[in-house]
Amino acid sequence: MRREVEKSIESYLEGFLQGLINKYDPKIVKDEVLEKVAFDERKGEYKPFHSALIPLELLRIQSFFRSFSTSLGQGVFEYIAKLVASSNNKWIEVRSNHKFKAYSSPNIQSMVDTFIEDILNKKAKPYPYVTFPKPNSSATKNIVVDLSFKDRKTGTIYFIEIKSPKPNKDQTRQTKEKFLFLLATYPNSKVYYALPYNPYGERKENYKWSFTKMFFDLDKEVLIGKEFWDFIGGKNTYENILKIFKRVGEKKGKEIINRLIKG
C-alpha cells in the first residue's frame, strides 16, 4: 500500500474519531442523558442499583463505545476499501456506490425468485448458481453496488457488497438477489459478499453466522477479514490497515480519555 494512501486513511480515521469525541464532550452531553442511555427504562434496562454504583465517567465510556461501534460501520469500511482498491494497479474503474443497469425481465425475475425460494426451502444450495436465461424483454433496473472494479488484464468485473459481520436475514437475502441480477446481466463478472472482519476470530472456518451461511457459500462467495483486504489491496494489506487503526488510536487516545473522564 502506497504511503499516500496510508496517510489518507489515517487522516480520515482521525477526523472520524474527532467527530465522536466532540459529540461526547462532557460539556455537551449532560450526565442525566448518559444515565438514560445506559439505563433506559423504555428499553427494559432500568437498573437503579447499577446506576448508583457506577461513576459517571464510566457511563461516558460506555456511551462513547456504543456510539463508536455503531458509527464504525459500513460507510467507514466502504471509504477505506475504495482507497485501498484504487491504489492497487491490478484494478481499473474502481467505483463505490455506483449504479449498474441489470436485466429485470419477467423470466429473469422468475429465475431469481425461484432460486431464492429453493435456497430458503433447502431445495438448492446458494452455490453454484442456476443457469441464467436470456431476457425476454428489455426491462432493466438500477442496482447500486458498494464497491466495484475491473481486472486490468482479464476485464472481469468484480461486484462487492461490504456488510456487517452479523447481517440480518433481509440483508443477506437482498444482497443475494442483487448479485443474481448482476450475474445474469454481466457474464464476465464475479460477486463477493465482504465482511471487514471476522467476529469469531481470524480463522474463516470459525465463522458461524447463520444468515450469511444460509444465502452464501463461504468459500466461493464470501471474503472475510484478511482475505477481503488482501484481495482488494494485495499481500499484507490487512495488517497494514490494522497498524493504521492502532496508530490513530494511540494518537487520539489521550484526548478521548481527557474528554470523557477528566472532563
C-alpha atoms as a PDB file:
ATOM      1  CA  MET A   1       0.000   0.000   0.000  1.00  0.00           C
ATOM      2  CA  ARG A   2       1.408   3.381  -1.011  1.00  0.00           C
ATOM      3  CA  ARG A   3       2.353   5.838   1.721  1.00  0.00           C
ATOM      4  CA  GLU A   4      -0.064   8.493   0.439  1.00  0.00           C
ATOM      5  CA  VAL A   5      -2.928   6.004   0.734  1.00  0.00           C
ATOM      6  CA  GLU A   6      -1.926   5.189   4.315  1.00  0.00           C
ATOM      7  CA  LYS A   7      -1.895   8.911   5.098  1.00  0.00           C
ATOM      8  CA  SER A   8      -5.344   9.347   3.551  1.00  0.00           C
ATOM      9  CA  ILE A   9      -6.763   6.514   5.658  1.00  0.00           C
ATOM     10  CA  GLU A  10      -5.048   7.879   8.760  1.00  0.00           C
ATOM     11  CA  SER A  11      -6.410  11.378   8.172  1.00  0.00           C
ATOM     12  CA  TYR A  12      -9.909  10.035   7.591  1.00  0.00           C
ATOM     13  CA  LEU A  13      -9.848   7.972  10.792  1.00  0.00           C
ATOM     14  CA  GLU A  14      -8.575  10.924  12.826  1.00  0.00           C
ATOM     15  CA  GLY A  15     -11.482  13.016  11.571  1.00  0.00           C
ATOM     16  CA  PHE A  16     -13.898  10.189  12.286  1.00  0.00           C
ATOM     17  CA  LEU A  17     -12.698   9.858  15.884  1.00  0.00           C
ATOM     18  CA  GLN A  18     -12.593  13.609  16.413  1.00  0.00           C
ATOM     19  CA  GLY A  19     -16.235  13.872  15.406  1.00  0.00           C
ATOM     20  CA  LEU A  20     -17.190  11.283  18.019  1.00  0.00           C
ATOM     21  CA  ILE A  21     -15.040  12.962  20.656  1.00  0.00           C
ATOM     22  CA  ASN A  22     -16.696  16.317  20.015  1.00  0.00           C
ATOM     23  CA  LYS A  23     -20.135  14.719  20.084  1.00  0.00           C
ATOM     24  CA  TYR A  24     -19.452  13.200  23.502  1.00  0.00           C
ATOM     25  CA  ASP A  25     -17.797  16.193  25.083  1.00  0.00           C
ATOM     26  CA  PRO A  26     -18.997  16.163  28.740  1.00  0.00           C
ATOM     27  CA  LYS A  27     -19.805  19.862  28.399  1.00  0.00           C
ATOM     28  CA  ILE A  28     -22.345  18.981  25.701  1.00  0.00           C
ATOM     29  CA  VAL A  29     -23.667  15.595  26.807  1.00  0.00           C
ATOM     30  CA  LYS A  30     -25.306  16.031  30.188  1.00  0.00           C
ATOM     31  CA  ASP A  31     -24.918  13.396  32.894  1.00  0.00           C
ATOM     32  CA  GLU A  32     -28.629  12.661  33.033  1.00  0.00           C
ATOM     33  CA  VAL A  33     -28.591  11.981  29.284  1.00  0.00           C
ATOM     34  CA  LEU A  34     -25.796   9.465  29.760  1.00  0.00           C
ATOM     35  CA  GLU A  35     -27.713   7.730  32.526  1.00  0.00           C
ATOM     36  CA  LYS A  36     -30.711   7.346  30.227  1.00  0.00           C
ATOM     37  CA  VAL A  37     -28.518   5.918  27.500  1.00  0.00           C
ATOM     38  CA  ALA A  38     -27.048   3.290  29.830  1.00  0.00           C
ATOM     39  CA  PHE A  39     -30.157   2.550  31.906  1.00  0.00           C
ATOM     40  CA  ASP A  40     -33.127   3.272  29.673  1.00  0.00           C
ATOM     41  CA  GLU A  41     -36.374   2.139  31.309  1.00  0.00           C
ATOM     42  CA  ARG A  42     -38.168   2.315  27.957  1.00  0.00           C
ATOM     43  CA  LYS A  43     -35.924  -0.498  26.735  1.00  0.00           C
ATOM     44  CA  GLY A  44     -36.282  -2.500  29.917  1.00  0.00           C
ATOM     45  CA  GLU A  45     -32.774  -1.586  31.053  1.00  0.00           C
ATOM     46  CA  TYR A  46     -33.602   0.427  34.178  1.00  0.00           C
ATOM     47  CA  LYS A  47     -31.053  -0.600  36.829  1.00  0.00           C
ATOM     48  CA  PRO A  48     -31.094   1.857  39.747  1.00  0.00           C
ATOM     49  CA  PHE A  49     -28.550  -0.036  41.854  1.00  0.00           C
ATOM     50  CA  HIS A  50     -26.095  -0.306  38.992  1.00  0.00           C
ATOM     51  CA  SER A  51     -26.516   3.381  38.234  1.00  0.00           C
ATOM     52  CA  ALA A  52     -25.917   4.315  41.860  1.00  0.00           C
ATOM     53  CA  LEU A  53     -22.591   2.490  41.994  1.00  0.00           C
ATOM     54  CA  ILE A  54     -21.089   3.229  38.581  1.00  0.00           C
ATOM     55  CA  PRO A  55     -19.206   6.554  38.253  1.00  0.00           C
ATOM     56  CA  LEU A  56     -20.497   8.872  35.527  1.00  0.00           C
ATOM     57  CA  GLU A  57     -17.074   8.753  33.889  1.00  0.00           C
ATOM     58  CA  LEU A  58     -17.581   5.066  33.164  1.00  0.00           C
ATOM     59  CA  LEU A  59     -21.046   5.793  31.790  1.00  0.00           C
ATOM     60  CA  ARG A  60     -19.430   8.216  29.378  1.00  0.00           C
ATOM     61  CA  ILE A  61     -17.058   5.492  28.211  1.00  0.00           C
ATOM     62  CA  GLN A  62     -19.911   3.009  27.802  1.00  0.00           C
ATOM     63  CA  SER A  63     -21.987   5.543  25.858  1.00  0.00           C
ATOM     64  CA  PHE A  64     -18.998   6.522  23.723  1.00  0.00           C
ATOM     65  CA  PHE A  65     -18.189   2.910  22.893  1.00  0.00           C
ATOM     66  CA  ARG A  66     -21.773   2.197  21.841  1.00  0.00           C
ATOM     67  CA  SER A  67     -21.739   5.171  19.511  1.00  0.00           C
ATOM     68  CA  PHE A  68     -18.267   4.230  18.235  1.00  0.00           C
ATOM     69  CA  SER A  69     -19.308   0.646  17.477  1.00  0.00           C
ATOM     70  CA  THR A  70     -22.382   1.831  15.583  1.00  0.00           C
ATOM     71  CA  SER A  71     -20.529   4.528  13.658  1.00  0.00           C
ATOM     72  CA  LEU A  72     -17.590   2.299  12.694  1.00  0.00           C
ATOM     73  CA  GLY A  73     -19.814   0.535  10.233  1.00  0.00           C
ATOM     74  CA  GLN A  74     -20.338   0.046   6.567  1.00  0.00           C
ATOM     75  CA  GLY A  75     -19.674   3.650   5.492  1.00  0.00           C
ATOM     76  CA  VAL A  76     -16.225   3.805   7.093  1.00  0.00           C
ATOM     77  CA  PHE A  77     -15.121   0.483   5.649  1.00  0.00           C
ATOM     78  CA  GLU A  78     -16.523   1.340   2.204  1.00  0.00           C
ATOM     79  CA  TYR A  79     -14.489   4.546   2.116  1.00  0.00           C
ATOM     80  CA  ILE A  80     -11.277   2.789   3.137  1.00  0.00           C
ATOM     81  CA  ALA A  81     -11.928  -0.097   0.738  1.00  0.00           C
ATOM     82  CA  LYS A  82     -12.217   2.264  -2.217  1.00  0.00           C
ATOM     83  CA  LEU A  83      -8.922   3.966  -1.296  1.00  0.00           C
ATOM     84  CA  VAL A  84      -7.238   0.579  -0.994  1.00  0.00           C
ATOM     85  CA  ALA A  85      -8.613  -0.833  -4.251  1.00  0.00           C
ATOM     86  CA  SER A  86      -7.796   2.378  -6.151  1.00  0.00           C
ATOM     87  CA  SER A  87      -4.167   2.095  -5.063  1.00  0.00           C
ATOM     88  CA  ASN A  88      -3.843  -1.426  -6.494  1.00  0.00           C
ATOM     89  CA  ASN A  89      -2.619  -1.352 -10.112  1.00  0.00           C
ATOM     90  CA  LYS A  90      -4.340  -4.673 -10.698  1.00  0.00           C
ATOM     91  CA  TRP A  91      -7.727  -2.935 -10.758  1.00  0.00           C
ATOM     92  CA  ILE A  92      -9.261  -0.267 -13.003  1.00  0.00           C
ATOM     93  CA  GLU A  93     -12.572   1.611 -12.936  1.00  0.00           C
ATOM     94  CA  VAL A  94     -12.775   1.452  -9.155  1.00  0.00           C
ATOM     95  CA  ARG A  95     -16.145   2.797  -8.013  1.00  0.00           C
ATOM     96  CA  SER A  96     -18.150   2.978  -4.810  1.00  0.00           C
ATOM     97  CA  ASN A  97     -21.953   3.185  -4.603  1.00  0.00           C
ATOM     98  CA  HIS A  98     -22.160   3.064  -8.390  1.00  0.00           C
ATOM     99  CA  LYS A  99     -25.385   2.320 -10.275  1.00  0.00           C
ATOM    100  CA  PHE A 100     -25.358  -0.559 -12.747  1.00  0.00           C
ATOM    101  CA  LYS A 101     -28.129  -1.440 -15.193  1.00  0.00           C
ATOM    102  CA  ALA A 102     -29.332  -5.019 -14.812  1.00  0.00           C
ATOM    103  CA  TYR A 103     -31.880  -7.099 -16.693  1.00  0.00           C
ATOM    104  CA  SER A 104     -35.200  -7.377 -14.872  1.00  0.00           C
ATOM    105  CA  SER A 105     -37.341  -9.116 -17.486  1.00  0.00           C
ATOM    106  CA  PRO A 106     -40.105 -11.475 -16.257  1.00  0.00           C
ATOM    107  CA  ASN A 107     -38.085 -14.620 -16.906  1.00  0.00           C
ATOM    108  CA  ILE A 108     -35.017 -13.227 -15.098  1.00  0.00           C
ATOM    109  CA  GLN A 109     -37.177 -12.150 -12.166  1.00  0.00           C
ATOM    110  CA  SER A 110     -38.805 -15.581 -12.051  1.00  0.00           C
ATOM    111  CA  MET A 111     -35.421 -17.281 -12.091  1.00  0.00           C
ATOM    112  CA  VAL A 112     -34.187 -15.144  -9.180  1.00  0.00           C
ATOM    113  CA  ASP A 113     -37.357 -15.657  -7.127  1.00  0.00           C
ATOM    114  CA  THR A 114     -37.361 -19.414  -7.669  1.00  0.00           C
ATOM    115  CA  PHE A 115     -33.693 -19.802  -6.776  1.00  0.00           C
ATOM    116  CA  ILE A 116     -34.103 -17.766  -3.585  1.00  0.00           C
ATOM    117  CA  GLU A 117     -37.139 -19.798  -2.542  1.00  0.00           C
ATOM    118  CA  ASP A 118     -35.289 -23.032  -3.251  1.00  0.00           C
ATOM    119  CA  ILE A 119     -32.449 -21.857  -1.005  1.00  0.00           C
ATOM    120  CA  LEU A 120     -34.900 -20.985   1.766  1.00  0.00           C
ATOM    121  CA  ASN A 121     -36.619 -24.340   1.436  1.00  0.00           C
ATOM    122  CA  LYS A 122     -33.262 -26.140   1.256  1.00  0.00           C
ATOM    123  CA  LYS A 123     -34.003 -27.463  -2.211  1.00  0.00           C
ATOM    124  CA  ALA A 124     -30.886 -25.766  -3.552  1.00  0.00           C
ATOM    125  CA  LYS A 125     -27.517 -24.651  -2.204  1.00  0.00           C
ATOM    126  CA  PRO A 126     -26.510 -20.986  -2.587  1.00  0.00           C
ATOM    127  CA  TYR A 127     -23.746 -22.010  -5.000  1.00  0.00           C
ATOM    128  CA  PRO A 128     -23.372 -22.993  -7.825  1.00  0.00           C
ATOM    129  CA  TYR A 129     -25.795 -20.599  -9.454  1.00  0.00           C
ATOM    130  CA  VAL A 130     -28.657 -21.556 -11.706  1.00  0.00           C
ATOM    131  CA  THR A 131     -28.367 -21.177 -15.484  1.00  0.00           C
ATOM    132  CA  PHE A 132     -29.260 -17.604 -16.385  1.00  0.00           C
ATOM    133  CA  PRO A 133     -31.742 -17.289 -19.286  1.00  0.00           C
ATOM    134  CA  LYS A 134     -31.640 -14.632 -21.956  1.00  0.00           C
ATOM    135  CA  PRO A 135     -34.022 -11.796 -21.038  1.00  0.00           C
ATOM    136  CA  ASN A 136     -37.417 -11.998 -22.738  1.00  0.00           C
ATOM    137  CA  SER A 137     -37.986  -8.238 -22.529  1.00  0.00           C
ATOM    138  CA  SER A 138     -35.945  -5.031 -22.474  1.00  0.00           C
ATOM    139  CA  ALA A 139     -36.828  -4.243 -18.849  1.00  0.00           C
ATOM    140  CA  THR A 140     -33.923  -3.177 -16.647  1.00  0.00           C
ATOM    141  CA  LYS A 141     -33.380  -1.965 -13.104  1.00  0.00           C
ATOM    142  CA  ASN A 142     -30.703   0.086 -11.351  1.00  0.00           C
ATOM    143  CA  ILE A 143     -28.577  -1.769  -8.848  1.00  0.00           C
ATOM    144  CA  VAL A 144     -26.217   0.152  -6.562  1.00  0.00           C
ATOM    145  CA  VAL A 145     -23.037  -1.711  -5.644  1.00  0.00           C
ATOM    146  CA  ASP A 146     -20.894  -0.833  -2.616  1.00  0.00           C
ATOM    147  CA  LEU A 147     -17.577  -1.432  -4.397  1.00  0.00           C
ATOM    148  CA  SER A 148     -16.806  -2.461  -7.968  1.00  0.00           C
ATOM    149  CA  PHE A 149     -13.769  -2.647 -10.215  1.00  0.00           C
ATOM    150  CA  LYS A 150     -12.353  -4.445 -13.257  1.00  0.00           C
ATOM    151  CA  ASP A 151      -9.332  -6.657 -13.557  1.00  0.00           C
ATOM    152  CA  ARG A 152      -6.900  -4.734 -15.758  1.00  0.00           C
ATOM    153  CA  LYS A 153      -5.764  -7.871 -17.601  1.00  0.00           C
ATOM    154  CA  THR A 154      -8.871 -10.036 -17.917  1.00  0.00           C
ATOM    155  CA  GLY A 155     -11.628  -7.396 -17.887  1.00  0.00           C
ATOM    156  CA  THR A 156     -13.517  -9.364 -15.235  1.00  0.00           C
ATOM    157  CA  ILE A 157     -15.888  -7.137 -13.281  1.00  0.00           C
ATOM    158  CA  TYR A 158     -15.984  -7.601  -9.515  1.00  0.00           C
ATOM    159  CA  PHE A 159     -19.115  -6.605  -7.618  1.00  0.00           C
ATOM    160  CA  ILE A 160     -18.569  -6.419  -3.860  1.00  0.00           C
ATOM    161  CA  GLU A 161     -21.063  -5.694  -1.116  1.00  0.00           C
ATOM    162  CA  ILE A 162     -19.472  -4.701   2.200  1.00  0.00           C
ATOM    163  CA  LYS A 163     -21.709  -5.629   5.115  1.00  0.00           C
ATOM    164  CA  SER A 164     -21.773  -6.046   8.867  1.00  0.00           C
ATOM    165  CA  PRO A 165     -20.156  -9.306  10.026  1.00  0.00           C
ATOM    166  CA  LYS A 166     -23.512 -10.282  11.543  1.00  0.00           C
ATOM    167  CA  PRO A 167     -26.092  -9.196   8.946  1.00  0.00           C
ATOM    168  CA  ASN A 168     -29.781  -9.889   9.337  1.00  0.00           C
ATOM    169  CA  LYS A 169     -31.780 -12.235   7.140  1.00  0.00           C
ATOM    170  CA  ASP A 170     -33.233  -9.485   4.940  1.00  0.00           C
ATOM    171  CA  GLN A 171     -29.791  -8.017   4.221  1.00  0.00           C
ATOM    172  CA  THR A 172     -28.360 -11.319   3.096  1.00  0.00           C
ATOM    173  CA  ARG A 173     -31.395 -12.216   1.007  1.00  0.00           C
ATOM    174  CA  GLN A 174     -31.493  -8.820  -0.722  1.00  0.00           C
ATOM    175  CA  THR A 175     -27.784  -8.962  -1.481  1.00  0.00           C
ATOM    176  CA  LYS A 176     -28.102 -12.451  -2.948  1.00  0.00           C
ATOM    177  CA  GLU A 177     -30.930 -11.223  -5.189  1.00  0.00           C
ATOM    178  CA  LYS A 178     -28.847  -8.229  -6.249  1.00  0.00           C
ATOM    179  CA  PHE A 179     -25.927 -10.492  -7.164  1.00  0.00           C
ATOM    180  CA  LEU A 180     -28.128 -12.808  -9.231  1.00  0.00           C
ATOM    181  CA  PHE A 181     -29.466  -9.925 -11.343  1.00  0.00           C
ATOM    182  CA  LEU A 182     -25.898  -8.677 -11.898  1.00  0.00           C
ATOM    183  CA  LEU A 183     -24.579 -12.107 -12.854  1.00  0.00           C
ATOM    184  CA  ALA A 184     -27.448 -12.569 -15.304  1.00  0.00           C
ATOM    185  CA  THR A 185     -26.515  -9.260 -16.939  1.00  0.00           C
ATOM    186  CA  TYR A 186     -22.704  -9.299 -16.843  1.00  0.00           C
ATOM    187  CA  PRO A 187     -21.426 -12.777 -17.803  1.00  0.00           C
ATOM    188  CA  ASN A 188     -17.767 -11.843 -17.248  1.00  0.00           C
ATOM    189  CA  SER A 189     -18.231 -10.924 -13.602  1.00  0.00           C
ATOM    190  CA  LYS A 190     -17.728 -12.227 -10.076  1.00  0.00           C
ATOM    191  CA  VAL A 191     -19.563 -11.292  -6.897  1.00  0.00           C
ATOM    192  CA  TYR A 192     -18.373 -11.230  -3.301  1.00  0.00           C
ATOM    193  CA  TYR A 193     -20.111 -10.659  -0.003  1.00  0.00           C
ATOM    194  CA  ALA A 194     -17.391  -8.932   2.028  1.00  0.00           C
ATOM    195  CA  LEU A 195     -17.108  -8.728   5.804  1.00  0.00           C
ATOM    196  CA  PRO A 196     -14.417  -6.287   7.062  1.00  0.00           C
ATOM    197  CA  TYR A 197     -13.524  -8.560   9.979  1.00  0.00           C
ATOM    198  CA  ASN A 198     -14.444 -11.914  11.483  1.00  0.00           C
ATOM    199  CA  PRO A 199     -16.192 -11.596  14.860  1.00  0.00           C
ATOM    200  CA  TYR A 200     -15.310 -15.238  15.564  1.00  0.00           C
ATOM    201  CA  GLY A 201     -11.545 -14.747  15.243  1.00  0.00           C
ATOM    202  CA  GLU A 202      -9.051 -14.827  12.395  1.00  0.00           C
ATOM    203  CA  ARG A 203      -9.884 -18.286  11.042  1.00  0.00           C
ATOM    204  CA  LYS A 204     -12.575 -18.292   8.356  1.00  0.00           C
ATOM    205  CA  GLU A 205     -13.760 -21.776   9.220  1.00  0.00           C
ATOM    206  CA  ASN A 206     -14.795 -20.474  12.660  1.00  0.00           C
ATOM    207  CA  TYR A 207     -17.307 -18.025  11.180  1.00  0.00           C
ATOM    208  CA  LYS A 208     -20.750 -19.143  12.362  1.00  0.00           C
ATOM    209  CA  TRP A 209     -23.348 -16.502  11.492  1.00  0.00           C
ATOM    210  CA  SER A 210     -26.304 -18.475  10.142  1.00  0.00           C
ATOM    211  CA  PHE A 211     -27.889 -15.896   7.804  1.00  0.00           C
ATOM    212  CA  THR A 212     -24.659 -15.380   5.868  1.00  0.00           C
ATOM    213  CA  LYS A 213     -24.188 -19.136   5.527  1.00  0.00           C
ATOM    214  CA  MET A 214     -27.826 -19.580   4.525  1.00  0.00           C
ATOM    215  CA  PHE A 215     -27.556 -17.463   1.373  1.00  0.00           C
ATOM    216  CA  PHE A 216     -23.847 -17.624   0.524  1.00  0.00           C
ATOM    217  CA  ASP A 217     -21.179 -20.230   0.017  1.00  0.00           C
ATOM    218  CA  LEU A 218     -18.399 -19.155   2.396  1.00  0.00           C
ATOM    219  CA  ASP A 219     -15.633 -20.467   0.153  1.00  0.00           C
ATOM    220  CA  LYS A 220     -16.953 -19.240  -3.212  1.00  0.00           C
ATOM    221  CA  GLU A 221     -18.840 -16.033  -2.445  1.00  0.00           C
ATOM    222  CA  VAL A 222     -17.653 -14.594   0.873  1.00  0.00           C
ATOM    223  CA  LEU A 223     -14.476 -12.689   1.728  1.00  0.00           C
ATOM    224  CA  ILE A 224     -13.822 -12.193   5.446  1.00  0.00           C
ATOM    225  CA  GLY A 225     -11.264 -10.029   7.221  1.00  0.00           C
ATOM    226  CA  LYS A 226      -7.716 -10.502   5.938  1.00  0.00           C
ATOM    227  CA  GLU A 227      -8.980 -12.399   2.914  1.00  0.00           C
ATOM    228  CA  PHE A 228     -11.032  -9.369   1.841  1.00  0.00           C
ATOM    229  CA  TRP A 229      -8.451  -6.645   2.466  1.00  0.00           C
ATOM    230  CA  ASP A 230      -5.600  -8.599   0.865  1.00  0.00           C
ATOM    231  CA  PHE A 231      -7.781  -9.392  -2.153  1.00  0.00           C
ATOM    232  CA  ILE A 232      -8.512  -5.752  -2.937  1.00  0.00           C
ATOM    233  CA  GLY A 233      -5.179  -4.299  -1.812  1.00  0.00           C
ATOM    234  CA  GLY A 234      -2.569  -7.011  -2.137  1.00  0.00           C
ATOM    235  CA  LYS A 235      -0.495  -9.009   0.343  1.00  0.00           C
ATOM    236  CA  ASN A 236      -0.331  -7.722   3.945  1.00  0.00           C
ATOM    237  CA  THR A 237      -2.968  -5.031   3.359  1.00  0.00           C
ATOM    238  CA  TYR A 238      -4.979  -6.292   6.339  1.00  0.00           C
ATOM    239  CA  GLU A 239      -2.024  -5.982   8.701  1.00  0.00           C
ATOM    240  CA  ASN A 240      -1.155  -2.538   7.357  1.00  0.00           C
ATOM    241  CA  ILE A 241      -4.687  -1.243   7.896  1.00  0.00           C
ATOM    242  CA  LEU A 242      -4.723  -2.601  11.456  1.00  0.00           C
ATOM    243  CA  LYS A 243      -1.444  -0.760  12.095  1.00  0.00           C
ATOM    244  CA  ILE A 244      -3.016   2.474  10.844  1.00  0.00           C
ATOM    245  CA  PHE A 245      -6.016   1.995  13.124  1.00  0.00           C
ATOM    246  CA  LYS A 246      -3.709   1.352  16.067  1.00  0.00           C
ATOM    247  CA  ARG A 247      -1.569   4.381  15.236  1.00  0.00           C
ATOM    248  CA  VAL A 248      -4.607   6.655  15.140  1.00  0.00           C
ATOM    249  CA  GLY A 249      -5.939   5.108  18.349  1.00  0.00           C
ATOM    250  CA  GLU A 250      -2.676   5.795  20.143  1.00  0.00           C
ATOM    251  CA  LYS A 251      -2.583   9.346  18.809  1.00  0.00           C
ATOM    252  CA  LYS A 252      -6.167  10.180  19.802  1.00  0.00           C
ATOM    253  CA  GLY A 253      -6.323   8.013  22.931  1.00  0.00           C
ATOM    254  CA  LYS A 254      -5.238  10.675  25.406  1.00  0.00           C
ATOM    255  CA  GLU A 255      -7.749  13.143  24.022  1.00  0.00           C
ATOM    256  CA  ILE A 256     -10.539  10.603  24.349  1.00  0.00           C
ATOM    257  CA  ILE A 257      -9.607   9.941  27.985  1.00  0.00           C
ATOM    258  CA  ASN A 258      -9.312  13.637  28.767  1.00  0.00           C
ATOM    259  CA  ARG A 259     -12.713  14.440  27.250  1.00  0.00           C
ATOM    260  CA  LEU A 260     -14.657  11.519  28.652  1.00  0.00           C
ATOM    261  CA  ILE A 261     -13.072  11.031  32.055  1.00  0.00           C
ATOM    262  CA  LYS A 262     -11.269  14.177  33.118  1.00  0.00           C
ATOM    263  CA  GLY A 263     -13.858  16.471  31.531  1.00  0.00           C
END
